[in-house]
Amino acid sequence: MRVDKVQTSRNLRVLMAARHADVASLASALNVSRTTVYNYLKAKRSPDPERSELICRLLGVQMTDLIAYRPEA
């Protein structure tokens, strides 16, 4: 299975909004640039497994709440 970048980006956007997290604060906590977080939100990239775990801890959610998968074609 592969990460569904589009659905993962939607999940991240919803989770950030629900917890009133902004791009700058998330980028700072992840020790990445704001551009990197914007790329997650625009589905240009998906966070690596370590960053995904940190995002989940910061937002208080499970990995399945953040990362969406799609079957391989």
C-alpha atoms as a PDB file:
ATOM      1  CA  MET A   1       0.000   0.000   0.000  1.00  0.00           C
ATOM      2  CA  ARG A   2       1.125   3.513  -0.709  1.00  0.00           C
ATOM      3  CA  VAL A   3       0.456   6.707   1.170  1.00  0.00           C
ATOM      4  CA  ASP A   4      -2.453   8.636  -0.306  1.00  0.00           C
ATOM      5  CA  LYS A   5      -0.896  12.114  -0.277  1.00  0.00           C
ATOM      6  CA  VAL A   6      -4.136  13.906  -1.128  1.00  0.00           C
ATOM      7  CA  GLN A   7      -6.171  12.316   1.663  1.00  0.00           C
ATOM      8  CA  THR A   8      -3.279  12.622   4.115  1.00  0.00           C
ATOM      9  CA  SER A   9      -3.035  16.336   3.358  1.00  0.00           C
ATOM     10  CA  ARG A  10      -6.784  16.717   3.925  1.00  0.00           C
ATOM     11  CA  ASN A  11      -6.492  14.842   7.215  1.00  0.00           C
ATOM     12  CA  LEU A  12      -3.625  17.077   8.337  1.00  0.00           C
ATOM     13  CA  ARG A  13      -5.548  20.225   7.454  1.00  0.00           C
ATOM     14  CA  VAL A  14      -8.615  19.070   9.416  1.00  0.00           C
ATOM     15  CA  LEU A  15      -6.555  17.978  12.421  1.00  0.00           C
ATOM     16  CA  MET A  16      -4.621  21.254  12.482  1.00  0.00           C
ATOM     17  CA  ALA A  17      -7.839  23.272  12.306  1.00  0.00           C
ATOM     18  CA  ALA A  18      -9.465  21.245  15.085  1.00  0.00           C
ATOM     19  CA  ARG A  19      -6.484  21.904  17.359  1.00  0.00           C
ATOM     20  CA  HIS A  20      -5.952  25.517  16.249  1.00  0.00           C
ATOM     21  CA  ALA A  21      -2.438  24.696  15.042  1.00  0.00           C
ATOM     22  CA  ASP A  22      -0.898  26.974  12.444  1.00  0.00           C
ATOM     23  CA  VAL A  23       1.758  26.262   9.858  1.00  0.00           C
ATOM     24  CA  ALA A  24       4.476  28.257  11.610  1.00  0.00           C
ATOM     25  CA  SER A  25       4.032  26.562  14.986  1.00  0.00           C
ATOM     26  CA  LEU A  26       3.875  23.081  13.458  1.00  0.00           C
ATOM     27  CA  ALA A  27       6.966  23.763  11.345  1.00  0.00           C
ATOM     28  CA  SER A  28       8.843  24.973  14.409  1.00  0.00           C
ATOM     29  CA  ALA A  29       7.845  21.939  16.472  1.00  0.00           C
ATOM     30  CA  LEU A  30       8.873  19.605  13.644  1.00  0.00           C
ATOM     31  CA  ASN A  31      12.109  21.513  13.034  1.00  0.00           C
ATOM     32  CA  VAL A  32      11.268  21.958   9.353  1.00  0.00           C
ATOM     33  CA  SER A  33      10.545  24.970   7.192  1.00  0.00           C
ATOM     34  CA  ARG A  34       7.065  26.378   6.734  1.00  0.00           C
ATOM     35  CA  THR A  35       7.440  25.435   3.064  1.00  0.00           C
ATOM     36  CA  THR A  36       7.739  21.785   4.070  1.00  0.00           C
ATOM     37  CA  VAL A  37       4.495  21.957   6.044  1.00  0.00           C
ATOM     38  CA  TYR A  38       2.807  23.756   3.144  1.00  0.00           C
ATOM     39  CA  ASN A  39       4.004  20.938   0.883  1.00  0.00           C
ATOM     40  CA  TYR A  40       2.331  18.440   3.221  1.00  0.00           C
ATOM     41  CA  LEU A  41      -0.870  20.493   3.084  1.00  0.00           C
ATOM     42  CA  LYS A  42      -0.757  20.784  -0.716  1.00  0.00           C
ATOM     43  CA  ALA A  43      -0.112  17.034  -1.128  1.00  0.00           C
ATOM     44  CA  LYS A  44       3.235  17.655  -2.783  1.00  0.00           C
ATOM     45  CA  ARG A  45       4.938  15.544  -0.096  1.00  0.00           C
ATOM     46  CA  SER A  46       3.976  13.304   2.775  1.00  0.00           C
ATOM     47  CA  PRO A  47       5.763  13.461   6.110  1.00  0.00           C
ATOM     48  CA  ASP A  48       8.322  10.728   6.702  1.00  0.00           C
ATOM     49  CA  PRO A  49       7.473   8.141   9.379  1.00  0.00           C
ATOM     50  CA  GLU A  50       9.378   9.944  12.151  1.00  0.00           C
ATOM     51  CA  ARG A  51       7.757  13.291  11.387  1.00  0.00           C
ATOM     52  CA  SER A  52       4.365  11.599  11.084  1.00  0.00           C
ATOM     53  CA  GLU A  53       4.759  10.183  14.590  1.00  0.00           C
ATOM     54  CA  LEU A  54       5.750  13.604  15.921  1.00  0.00           C
ATOM     55  CA  ILE A  55       2.799  15.274  14.189  1.00  0.00           C
ATOM     56  CA  CYS A  56       0.484  12.717  15.789  1.00  0.00           C
ATOM     57  CA  ARG A  57       1.954  13.345  19.235  1.00  0.00           C
ATOM     58  CA  LEU A  58       1.733  17.116  18.803  1.00  0.00           C
ATOM     59  CA  LEU A  59      -1.886  16.948  17.626  1.00  0.00           C
ATOM     60  CA  GLY A  60      -2.899  14.203  20.048  1.00  0.00           C
ATOM     61  CA  VAL A  61      -4.093  11.756  17.408  1.00  0.00           C
ATOM     62  CA  GLN A  62      -3.357   8.238  16.190  1.00  0.00           C
ATOM     63  CA  MET A  63      -1.349   7.538  13.051  1.00  0.00           C
ATOM     64  CA  THR A  64      -4.503   6.229  11.346  1.00  0.00           C
ATOM     65  CA  ASP A  65      -6.113   9.648  11.881  1.00  0.00           C
ATOM     66  CA  LEU A  66      -3.330  11.305   9.914  1.00  0.00           C
ATOM     67  CA  ILE A  67      -1.967   8.932   7.290  1.00  0.00           C
ATOM     68  CA  ALA A  68      -4.251   7.519   4.601  1.00  0.00           C
ATOM     69  CA  TYR A  69      -3.241   4.649   2.350  1.00  0.00           C
ATOM     70  CA  ARG A  70      -4.359   3.539  -1.075  1.00  0.00           C
ATOM     71  CA  PRO A  71      -3.949   0.106  -2.574  1.00  0.00           C
ATOM     72  CA  GLU A  72      -1.278  -0.395  -5.222  1.00  0.00           C
ATOM     73  CA  ALA A  73      -2.634  -0.549  -8.722  1.00  0.00           C
END
